[in-house]
Amino acid sequence: MIVQNIFFWVLALAMVLGAIGVVRSQNVVHAALYLVVVMAGAAAQYILLAAEFVAWVQVIIYIGAVIILFLFGIMLTRAPMGGDTKLDNDQRWPAAVVSVFLAGVLGALLIDAFGKKEIVISGAKGEQLLQVGKAGHLADSIFTAYVVPFEVVSILLLAALVGAVVIARRD
């Protein structure tokens, strides 16, 4: 269990540094590449949680498709590659205060909700085995209990795809 905690914190630190790189980068291509680091860290966190199917979906869909879509969008719109100082404003300190406050509120809520509860993922000592990482259980829950949100997300992605085609084909 100690090794998993060490890997968690290493991945979490890499994800935080990647997220800071996304926000602080002056180059949009570099920001998209920092986002790859964050999403790869999320996939690695899923592997630590024994949800291999979700991890590979993260890699294939988000890293493989969405980041490539971002890069093509940057190239199609001819966005400026370098930083533009005209886009800066004086809202940094209020944004920092709000983000620290939000992090504190979320941390307090998580500690209050979960506290010192332990999640059992093994069948030791007669406990019920929690089925994690099984694609069949994930499919059952998606297509039974969560079929409406699944279809709503499908329609939303279709609308985004049609919108991207319309924007790209401005003649």
N, C-alpha and C. Protein backbone atom coordinates (compact mmCIF):
# COMPACT_ATOMS: atom_id res chain seq x y z
N MET A 1 0.82 -1.19 0.00
CA MET A 1 0.00 0.00 0.00
C MET A 1 0.87 1.27 0.00
N ILE A 2 2.03 1.21 0.60
CA ILE A 2 2.92 2.37 0.64
C ILE A 2 3.39 2.72 -0.77
N VAL A 3 3.69 1.71 -1.59
CA VAL A 3 4.17 1.96 -2.95
C VAL A 3 3.08 2.65 -3.77
N GLN A 4 1.83 2.23 -3.59
CA GLN A 4 0.73 2.88 -4.30
C GLN A 4 0.60 4.34 -3.90
N ASN A 5 0.78 4.62 -2.62
CA ASN A 5 0.71 6.02 -2.17
C ASN A 5 1.83 6.85 -2.77
N ILE A 6 3.03 6.29 -2.86
CA ILE A 6 4.15 7.01 -3.45
C ILE A 6 3.87 7.29 -4.93
N PHE A 7 3.39 6.28 -5.66
CA PHE A 7 3.05 6.49 -7.07
C PHE A 7 1.94 7.51 -7.23
N PHE A 8 0.95 7.47 -6.33
CA PHE A 8 -0.14 8.44 -6.40
C PHE A 8 0.41 9.86 -6.28
N TRP A 9 1.27 10.10 -5.30
CA TRP A 9 1.77 11.45 -5.08
C TRP A 9 2.71 11.89 -6.20
N VAL A 10 3.48 10.98 -6.76
CA VAL A 10 4.34 11.34 -7.89
C VAL A 10 3.47 11.73 -9.09
N LEU A 11 2.45 10.93 -9.36
CA LEU A 11 1.54 11.24 -10.47
C LEU A 11 0.77 12.53 -10.22
N ALA A 12 0.32 12.72 -8.99
CA ALA A 12 -0.41 13.94 -8.66
C ALA A 12 0.47 15.17 -8.84
N LEU A 13 1.74 15.09 -8.42
CA LEU A 13 2.65 16.21 -8.60
C LEU A 13 2.89 16.49 -10.09
N ALA A 14 3.05 15.44 -10.89
CA ALA A 14 3.23 15.62 -12.33
C ALA A 14 2.00 16.26 -12.95
N MET A 15 0.81 15.85 -12.50
CA MET A 15 -0.41 16.42 -13.03
C MET A 15 -0.56 17.89 -12.64
N VAL A 16 -0.21 18.23 -11.41
CA VAL A 16 -0.29 19.63 -10.97
C VAL A 16 0.69 20.49 -11.76
N LEU A 17 1.92 20.00 -11.94
CA LEU A 17 2.90 20.75 -12.73
C LEU A 17 2.45 20.90 -14.18
N GLY A 18 1.83 19.85 -14.75
CA GLY A 18 1.30 19.95 -16.10
C GLY A 18 0.15 20.95 -16.19
N ALA A 19 -0.72 20.96 -15.18
CA ALA A 19 -1.83 21.91 -15.18
C ALA A 19 -1.33 23.34 -15.06
N ILE A 20 -0.30 23.54 -14.24
CA ILE A 20 0.29 24.88 -14.15
C ILE A 20 0.92 25.25 -15.49
N GLY A 21 1.54 24.29 -16.15
CA GLY A 21 2.12 24.54 -17.47
C GLY A 21 1.06 24.92 -18.50
N VAL A 22 -0.12 24.29 -18.42
CA VAL A 22 -1.21 24.64 -19.34
C VAL A 22 -1.61 26.09 -19.15
N VAL A 23 -1.74 26.50 -17.91
CA VAL A 23 -2.21 27.86 -17.62
C VAL A 23 -1.13 28.90 -17.90
N ARG A 24 0.12 28.59 -17.60
CA ARG A 24 1.20 29.56 -17.68
C ARG A 24 1.87 29.63 -19.05
N SER A 25 1.62 28.68 -19.92
CA SER A 25 2.31 28.64 -21.20
C SER A 25 1.87 29.80 -22.09
N GLN A 26 2.84 30.41 -22.76
CA GLN A 26 2.56 31.50 -23.70
C GLN A 26 2.27 30.97 -25.10
N ASN A 27 2.54 29.69 -25.32
CA ASN A 27 2.39 29.08 -26.63
C ASN A 27 1.24 28.06 -26.55
N VAL A 28 0.25 28.18 -27.44
CA VAL A 28 -0.91 27.30 -27.36
C VAL A 28 -0.58 25.85 -27.67
N VAL A 29 0.41 25.61 -28.50
CA VAL A 29 0.81 24.23 -28.79
C VAL A 29 1.45 23.61 -27.55
N HIS A 30 2.29 24.37 -26.87
CA HIS A 30 2.89 23.88 -25.64
C HIS A 30 1.83 23.63 -24.57
N ALA A 31 0.80 24.48 -24.52
CA ALA A 31 -0.29 24.29 -23.57
C ALA A 31 -1.02 22.98 -23.87
N ALA A 32 -1.23 22.68 -25.12
CA ALA A 32 -1.89 21.41 -25.48
C ALA A 32 -1.02 20.22 -25.10
N LEU A 33 0.29 20.35 -25.24
CA LEU A 33 1.18 19.26 -24.86
C LEU A 33 1.25 19.09 -23.34
N TYR A 34 1.19 20.19 -22.60
CA TYR A 34 1.09 20.07 -21.15
C TYR A 34 -0.21 19.38 -20.75
N LEU A 35 -1.27 19.64 -21.51
CA LEU A 35 -2.53 18.97 -21.24
C LEU A 35 -2.42 17.46 -21.46
N VAL A 36 -1.59 17.04 -22.39
CA VAL A 36 -1.33 15.60 -22.58
C VAL A 36 -0.74 15.01 -21.30
N VAL A 37 0.17 15.73 -20.64
CA VAL A 37 0.77 15.25 -19.40
C VAL A 37 -0.30 15.07 -18.32
N VAL A 38 -1.21 16.04 -18.23
CA VAL A 38 -2.27 15.95 -17.23
C VAL A 38 -3.19 14.76 -17.51
N MET A 39 -3.56 14.57 -18.76
CA MET A 39 -4.46 13.47 -19.09
C MET A 39 -3.78 12.11 -18.96
N ALA A 40 -2.49 12.04 -19.26
CA ALA A 40 -1.76 10.79 -19.05
C ALA A 40 -1.65 10.48 -17.57
N GLY A 41 -1.50 11.49 -16.75
CA GLY A 41 -1.49 11.29 -15.31
C GLY A 41 -2.83 10.77 -14.80
N ALA A 42 -3.91 11.29 -15.37
CA ALA A 42 -5.24 10.79 -14.99
C ALA A 42 -5.39 9.32 -15.38
N ALA A 43 -4.88 8.95 -16.55
CA ALA A 43 -4.94 7.54 -16.96
C ALA A 43 -4.13 6.67 -16.01
N ALA A 44 -2.98 7.16 -15.60
CA ALA A 44 -2.17 6.39 -14.65
C ALA A 44 -2.86 6.28 -13.30
N GLN A 45 -3.58 7.30 -12.90
CA GLN A 45 -4.35 7.23 -11.64
C GLN A 45 -5.44 6.16 -11.75
N TYR A 46 -6.07 6.06 -12.91
CA TYR A 46 -7.07 5.01 -13.11
C TYR A 46 -6.44 3.63 -12.99
N ILE A 47 -5.22 3.48 -13.49
CA ILE A 47 -4.54 2.18 -13.36
C ILE A 47 -4.28 1.87 -11.90
N LEU A 48 -3.90 2.89 -11.12
CA LEU A 48 -3.71 2.68 -9.68
C LEU A 48 -5.01 2.26 -9.00
N LEU A 49 -6.14 2.70 -9.53
CA LEU A 49 -7.44 2.33 -8.97
C LEU A 49 -7.95 1.01 -9.51
N ALA A 50 -7.16 0.31 -10.30
CA ALA A 50 -7.50 -0.98 -10.90
C ALA A 50 -8.66 -0.87 -11.89
N ALA A 51 -8.75 0.26 -12.56
CA ALA A 51 -9.77 0.47 -13.59
C ALA A 51 -9.07 0.59 -14.94
N GLU A 52 -8.56 -0.54 -15.41
CA GLU A 52 -7.74 -0.53 -16.61
C GLU A 52 -8.52 -0.12 -17.84
N PHE A 53 -9.77 -0.53 -17.93
CA PHE A 53 -10.58 -0.18 -19.09
C PHE A 53 -10.75 1.33 -19.19
N VAL A 54 -11.07 1.97 -18.09
CA VAL A 54 -11.24 3.42 -18.08
C VAL A 54 -9.91 4.11 -18.39
N ALA A 55 -8.80 3.54 -17.92
CA ALA A 55 -7.49 4.12 -18.21
C ALA A 55 -7.21 4.09 -19.71
N TRP A 56 -7.50 2.98 -20.36
CA TRP A 56 -7.23 2.91 -21.80
C TRP A 56 -8.20 3.75 -22.59
N VAL A 57 -9.43 3.90 -22.11
CA VAL A 57 -10.35 4.83 -22.77
C VAL A 57 -9.82 6.25 -22.65
N GLN A 58 -9.28 6.59 -21.48
CA GLN A 58 -8.66 7.90 -21.28
C GLN A 58 -7.53 8.12 -22.28
N VAL A 59 -6.69 7.13 -22.46
CA VAL A 59 -5.56 7.26 -23.38
C VAL A 59 -6.04 7.37 -24.82
N ILE A 60 -6.95 6.49 -25.22
CA ILE A 60 -7.37 6.45 -26.63
C ILE A 60 -8.22 7.66 -26.99
N ILE A 61 -9.22 7.95 -26.17
CA ILE A 61 -10.16 9.02 -26.52
C ILE A 61 -9.56 10.40 -26.22
N TYR A 62 -9.16 10.61 -24.99
CA TYR A 62 -8.74 11.96 -24.62
C TYR A 62 -7.36 12.31 -25.15
N ILE A 63 -6.39 11.46 -24.92
CA ILE A 63 -5.05 11.80 -25.39
C ILE A 63 -4.96 11.62 -26.90
N GLY A 64 -5.50 10.53 -27.40
CA GLY A 64 -5.38 10.25 -28.83
C GLY A 64 -6.25 11.10 -29.71
N ALA A 65 -7.46 11.38 -29.29
CA ALA A 65 -8.40 12.08 -30.17
C ALA A 65 -8.55 13.56 -29.82
N VAL A 66 -8.80 13.86 -28.57
CA VAL A 66 -9.11 15.23 -28.21
C VAL A 66 -7.90 16.14 -28.38
N ILE A 67 -6.73 15.69 -27.96
CA ILE A 67 -5.55 16.54 -28.10
C ILE A 67 -5.22 16.75 -29.58
N ILE A 68 -5.36 15.71 -30.39
CA ILE A 68 -5.14 15.88 -31.83
C ILE A 68 -6.16 16.85 -32.40
N LEU A 69 -7.40 16.78 -31.93
CA LEU A 69 -8.43 17.73 -32.37
C LEU A 69 -8.05 19.15 -31.97
N PHE A 70 -7.54 19.33 -30.74
CA PHE A 70 -7.08 20.66 -30.32
C PHE A 70 -5.98 21.17 -31.24
N LEU A 71 -5.00 20.31 -31.53
CA LEU A 71 -3.89 20.75 -32.36
C LEU A 71 -4.35 21.09 -33.78
N PHE A 72 -5.27 20.29 -34.34
CA PHE A 72 -5.81 20.62 -35.66
C PHE A 72 -6.62 21.91 -35.60
N GLY A 73 -7.36 22.11 -34.53
CA GLY A 73 -8.11 23.36 -34.38
C GLY A 73 -7.20 24.57 -34.30
N ILE A 74 -6.09 24.41 -33.61
CA ILE A 74 -5.12 25.51 -33.54
C ILE A 74 -4.55 25.80 -34.92
N MET A 75 -4.25 24.74 -35.68
CA MET A 75 -3.69 24.94 -37.01
C MET A 75 -4.73 25.50 -37.98
N LEU A 76 -5.98 25.05 -37.89
CA LEU A 76 -7.01 25.52 -38.82
C LEU A 76 -7.39 26.97 -38.57
N THR A 77 -7.39 27.39 -37.32
CA THR A 77 -7.80 28.76 -37.02
C THR A 77 -6.65 29.74 -37.14
N ARG A 78 -5.47 29.23 -37.42
CA ARG A 78 -4.28 30.07 -37.54
C ARG A 78 -4.08 30.93 -36.30
N ALA A 79 -4.24 30.30 -35.16
CA ALA A 79 -4.06 31.00 -33.88
C ALA A 79 -2.60 31.40 -33.73
N PRO A 80 -2.35 32.55 -33.11
CA PRO A 80 -0.96 32.95 -32.92
C PRO A 80 -0.24 31.97 -32.00
N MET A 81 0.95 31.55 -32.39
CA MET A 81 1.67 30.55 -31.63
C MET A 81 2.34 31.13 -30.39
N GLY A 82 2.78 32.34 -30.46
CA GLY A 82 3.47 32.96 -29.33
C GLY A 82 2.50 33.66 -28.42
N GLY A 83 3.03 34.13 -27.30
CA GLY A 83 2.20 34.84 -26.33
C GLY A 83 1.93 36.26 -26.80
N ASP A 84 0.80 36.78 -26.39
CA ASP A 84 0.41 38.13 -26.73
C ASP A 84 0.22 38.90 -25.42
N THR A 85 1.00 39.92 -25.21
CA THR A 85 0.91 40.64 -23.95
C THR A 85 -0.35 41.48 -23.86
N LYS A 86 -1.02 41.75 -24.98
CA LYS A 86 -2.25 42.53 -24.94
C LYS A 86 -3.39 41.76 -24.27
N LEU A 87 -3.27 40.44 -24.19
CA LEU A 87 -4.35 39.64 -23.63
C LEU A 87 -4.28 39.55 -22.10
N ASP A 88 -3.25 40.08 -21.50
CA ASP A 88 -3.09 40.00 -20.05
C ASP A 88 -3.95 41.08 -19.37
N ASN A 89 -4.37 40.79 -18.14
CA ASN A 89 -5.13 41.77 -17.38
C ASN A 89 -4.70 41.73 -15.92
N ASP A 90 -5.34 42.51 -15.09
CA ASP A 90 -4.94 42.61 -13.69
C ASP A 90 -5.82 41.76 -12.77
N GLN A 91 -6.34 40.67 -13.26
CA GLN A 91 -7.21 39.81 -12.47
C GLN A 91 -6.48 38.61 -11.85
N ARG A 92 -5.17 38.63 -11.83
CA ARG A 92 -4.41 37.49 -11.31
C ARG A 92 -4.62 37.29 -9.82
N TRP A 93 -4.51 38.37 -9.03
CA TRP A 93 -4.64 38.21 -7.58
C TRP A 93 -6.05 37.82 -7.16
N PRO A 94 -7.11 38.41 -7.70
CA PRO A 94 -8.45 37.89 -7.35
C PRO A 94 -8.65 36.44 -7.76
N ALA A 95 -8.08 36.06 -8.91
CA ALA A 95 -8.20 34.66 -9.34
C ALA A 95 -7.45 33.74 -8.39
N ALA A 96 -6.29 34.16 -7.92
CA ALA A 96 -5.53 33.34 -6.97
C ALA A 96 -6.29 33.19 -5.64
N VAL A 97 -6.89 34.27 -5.18
CA VAL A 97 -7.66 34.21 -3.92
C VAL A 97 -8.85 33.27 -4.08
N VAL A 98 -9.56 33.39 -5.18
CA VAL A 98 -10.73 32.52 -5.41
C VAL A 98 -10.30 31.06 -5.54
N SER A 99 -9.20 30.79 -6.21
CA SER A 99 -8.76 29.40 -6.37
C SER A 99 -8.31 28.79 -5.05
N VAL A 100 -7.62 29.56 -4.21
CA VAL A 100 -7.23 29.04 -2.89
C VAL A 100 -8.46 28.80 -2.03
N PHE A 101 -9.44 29.72 -2.09
CA PHE A 101 -10.68 29.53 -1.34
C PHE A 101 -11.42 28.29 -1.82
N LEU A 102 -11.51 28.11 -3.14
CA LEU A 102 -12.19 26.94 -3.69
C LEU A 102 -11.48 25.65 -3.30
N ALA A 103 -10.16 25.64 -3.33
CA ALA A 103 -9.41 24.46 -2.92
C ALA A 103 -9.66 24.14 -1.45
N GLY A 104 -9.74 25.15 -0.60
CA GLY A 104 -10.04 24.94 0.81
C GLY A 104 -11.43 24.38 1.03
N VAL A 105 -12.40 24.93 0.31
CA VAL A 105 -13.79 24.45 0.45
C VAL A 105 -13.90 23.00 -0.02
N LEU A 106 -13.30 22.70 -1.17
CA LEU A 106 -13.35 21.32 -1.67
C LEU A 106 -12.63 20.36 -0.75
N GLY A 107 -11.49 20.77 -0.23
CA GLY A 107 -10.77 19.92 0.73
C GLY A 107 -11.58 19.67 1.98
N ALA A 108 -12.21 20.71 2.51
CA ALA A 108 -13.03 20.54 3.72
C ALA A 108 -14.23 19.63 3.44
N LEU A 109 -14.84 19.77 2.28
CA LEU A 109 -15.98 18.91 1.93
C LEU A 109 -15.55 17.45 1.80
N LEU A 110 -14.41 17.22 1.16
CA LEU A 110 -13.94 15.84 1.01
C LEU A 110 -13.57 15.22 2.35
N ILE A 111 -12.92 15.99 3.20
CA ILE A 111 -12.57 15.46 4.52
C ILE A 111 -13.82 15.19 5.33
N ASP A 112 -14.81 16.08 5.25
CA ASP A 112 -16.06 15.88 5.98
C ASP A 112 -16.83 14.68 5.43
N ALA A 113 -16.81 14.49 4.12
CA ALA A 113 -17.59 13.41 3.51
C ALA A 113 -16.95 12.05 3.73
N PHE A 114 -15.64 11.97 3.61
CA PHE A 114 -14.98 10.67 3.65
C PHE A 114 -14.17 10.44 4.92
N GLY A 115 -13.60 11.47 5.46
CA GLY A 115 -12.87 11.36 6.72
C GLY A 115 -11.84 10.25 6.71
N LYS A 116 -12.00 9.31 7.63
CA LYS A 116 -11.05 8.21 7.76
C LYS A 116 -11.64 6.89 7.27
N LYS A 117 -12.63 6.96 6.40
CA LYS A 117 -13.21 5.75 5.87
C LYS A 117 -12.20 5.02 5.00
N GLU A 118 -12.24 3.70 5.04
CA GLU A 118 -11.33 2.90 4.24
C GLU A 118 -12.14 2.18 3.17
N ILE A 119 -11.66 2.23 1.96
CA ILE A 119 -12.32 1.56 0.85
C ILE A 119 -11.71 0.18 0.71
N VAL A 120 -12.53 -0.84 0.78
CA VAL A 120 -12.07 -2.22 0.70
C VAL A 120 -12.17 -2.68 -0.74
N ILE A 121 -11.05 -3.07 -1.32
CA ILE A 121 -11.08 -3.56 -2.71
C ILE A 121 -10.61 -5.01 -2.80
N SER A 122 -10.35 -5.64 -1.69
CA SER A 122 -9.94 -7.04 -1.73
C SER A 122 -10.95 -7.87 -0.94
N GLY A 123 -10.94 -9.15 -1.19
CA GLY A 123 -11.88 -10.04 -0.53
C GLY A 123 -11.34 -10.64 0.76
N ALA A 124 -10.39 -10.00 1.39
CA ALA A 124 -9.79 -10.54 2.61
C ALA A 124 -10.77 -10.44 3.78
N LYS A 125 -10.64 -11.35 4.73
CA LYS A 125 -11.41 -11.37 5.98
C LYS A 125 -12.91 -11.47 5.74
N GLY A 126 -13.30 -12.11 4.69
CA GLY A 126 -14.72 -12.37 4.46
C GLY A 126 -15.49 -11.19 3.91
N GLU A 127 -14.82 -10.09 3.56
CA GLU A 127 -15.55 -8.95 3.00
C GLU A 127 -15.98 -9.26 1.57
N GLN A 128 -17.00 -8.56 1.15
CA GLN A 128 -17.47 -8.76 -0.22
C GLN A 128 -16.46 -8.16 -1.18
N LEU A 129 -16.13 -8.90 -2.22
CA LEU A 129 -15.16 -8.44 -3.20
C LEU A 129 -15.78 -7.36 -4.07
N LEU A 130 -15.16 -6.20 -4.11
CA LEU A 130 -15.63 -5.11 -4.95
C LEU A 130 -15.11 -5.33 -6.35
N GLN A 131 -16.00 -5.37 -7.31
CA GLN A 131 -15.61 -5.62 -8.69
C GLN A 131 -15.12 -4.33 -9.32
N VAL A 132 -13.81 -4.17 -9.38
CA VAL A 132 -13.25 -2.97 -10.00
C VAL A 132 -12.48 -3.38 -11.24
N GLY A 133 -12.46 -2.48 -12.21
CA GLY A 133 -11.67 -2.70 -13.40
C GLY A 133 -12.29 -3.67 -14.41
N LYS A 134 -13.47 -4.13 -14.18
CA LYS A 134 -14.11 -5.08 -15.10
C LYS A 134 -14.96 -4.32 -16.11
N ALA A 135 -14.68 -4.54 -17.38
CA ALA A 135 -15.40 -3.83 -18.43
C ALA A 135 -16.88 -4.22 -18.46
N GLY A 136 -17.19 -5.47 -18.10
CA GLY A 136 -18.58 -5.90 -18.10
C GLY A 136 -19.43 -5.16 -17.09
N HIS A 137 -18.90 -4.94 -15.90
CA HIS A 137 -19.64 -4.19 -14.87
C HIS A 137 -19.82 -2.74 -15.28
N LEU A 138 -18.80 -2.18 -15.93
CA LEU A 138 -18.91 -0.81 -16.41
C LEU A 138 -19.96 -0.70 -17.50
N ALA A 139 -19.99 -1.65 -18.42
CA ALA A 139 -20.99 -1.63 -19.49
C ALA A 139 -22.39 -1.81 -18.93
N ASP A 140 -22.55 -2.70 -17.94
CA ASP A 140 -23.87 -2.88 -17.33
C ASP A 140 -24.37 -1.59 -16.70
N SER A 141 -23.49 -0.88 -15.99
CA SER A 141 -23.94 0.35 -15.34
C SER A 141 -24.19 1.46 -16.36
N ILE A 142 -23.38 1.53 -17.43
CA ILE A 142 -23.60 2.58 -18.44
C ILE A 142 -24.92 2.35 -19.17
N PHE A 143 -25.20 1.11 -19.57
CA PHE A 143 -26.37 0.86 -20.41
C PHE A 143 -27.62 0.49 -19.63
N THR A 144 -27.58 0.53 -18.31
CA THR A 144 -28.80 0.34 -17.53
C THR A 144 -29.12 1.58 -16.71
N ALA A 145 -28.30 1.89 -15.72
CA ALA A 145 -28.60 3.00 -14.83
C ALA A 145 -28.27 4.35 -15.45
N TYR A 146 -27.25 4.42 -16.30
CA TYR A 146 -26.80 5.70 -16.82
C TYR A 146 -26.99 5.82 -18.33
N VAL A 147 -28.03 5.23 -18.87
CA VAL A 147 -28.22 5.26 -20.32
C VAL A 147 -28.63 6.65 -20.80
N VAL A 148 -29.42 7.38 -20.04
CA VAL A 148 -29.84 8.72 -20.47
C VAL A 148 -28.65 9.70 -20.47
N PRO A 149 -27.85 9.79 -19.40
CA PRO A 149 -26.68 10.67 -19.49
C PRO A 149 -25.71 10.26 -20.59
N PHE A 150 -25.58 8.96 -20.84
CA PHE A 150 -24.70 8.48 -21.91
C PHE A 150 -25.18 9.00 -23.25
N GLU A 151 -26.47 8.95 -23.49
CA GLU A 151 -27.02 9.44 -24.77
C GLU A 151 -26.94 10.96 -24.86
N VAL A 152 -27.10 11.66 -23.74
CA VAL A 152 -26.99 13.13 -23.76
C VAL A 152 -25.56 13.53 -24.13
N VAL A 153 -24.57 12.85 -23.57
CA VAL A 153 -23.18 13.13 -23.91
C VAL A 153 -22.94 12.81 -25.38
N SER A 154 -23.55 11.75 -25.90
CA SER A 154 -23.39 11.42 -27.32
C SER A 154 -23.93 12.53 -28.21
N ILE A 155 -25.09 13.07 -27.88
CA ILE A 155 -25.67 14.17 -28.66
C ILE A 155 -24.81 15.42 -28.55
N LEU A 156 -24.28 15.69 -27.35
CA LEU A 156 -23.42 16.85 -27.16
C LEU A 156 -22.15 16.74 -27.99
N LEU A 157 -21.55 15.56 -28.03
CA LEU A 157 -20.35 15.37 -28.84
C LEU A 157 -20.65 15.49 -30.33
N LEU A 158 -21.81 15.00 -30.75
CA LEU A 158 -22.21 15.15 -32.15
C LEU A 158 -22.39 16.62 -32.51
N ALA A 159 -23.03 17.39 -31.62
CA ALA A 159 -23.22 18.82 -31.86
C ALA A 159 -21.87 19.53 -31.93
N ALA A 160 -20.93 19.15 -31.08
CA ALA A 160 -19.60 19.75 -31.11
C ALA A 160 -18.88 19.42 -32.41
N LEU A 161 -19.04 18.21 -32.89
CA LEU A 161 -18.41 17.81 -34.15
C LEU A 161 -19.00 18.59 -35.32
N VAL A 162 -20.32 18.75 -35.34
CA VAL A 162 -20.95 19.51 -36.42
C VAL A 162 -20.52 20.97 -36.34
N GLY A 163 -20.44 21.52 -35.14
CA GLY A 163 -19.97 22.90 -34.98
C GLY A 163 -18.54 23.08 -35.44
N ALA A 164 -17.68 22.10 -35.16
CA ALA A 164 -16.29 22.19 -35.61
C ALA A 164 -16.20 22.16 -37.12
N VAL A 165 -17.02 21.35 -37.77
CA VAL A 165 -17.03 21.29 -39.23
C VAL A 165 -17.51 22.61 -39.80
N VAL A 166 -18.55 23.20 -39.21
CA VAL A 166 -19.08 24.47 -39.70
C VAL A 166 -18.04 25.57 -39.55
N ILE A 167 -17.35 25.61 -38.41
CA ILE A 167 -16.32 26.64 -38.21
C ILE A 167 -15.15 26.44 -39.15
N ALA A 168 -14.76 25.19 -39.37
CA ALA A 168 -13.61 24.91 -40.24
C ALA A 168 -13.91 25.19 -41.71
N ARG A 169 -15.17 25.12 -42.12
CA ARG A 169 -15.51 25.27 -43.53
C ARG A 169 -16.05 26.66 -43.86
N ARG A 170 -15.67 27.68 -43.10
CA ARG A 170 -16.09 29.04 -43.42
C ARG A 170 -15.46 29.47 -44.74
N ASP A 171 -16.25 29.68 -45.75
CA ASP A 171 -15.74 30.08 -47.08
C ASP A 171 -16.32 31.39 -47.51
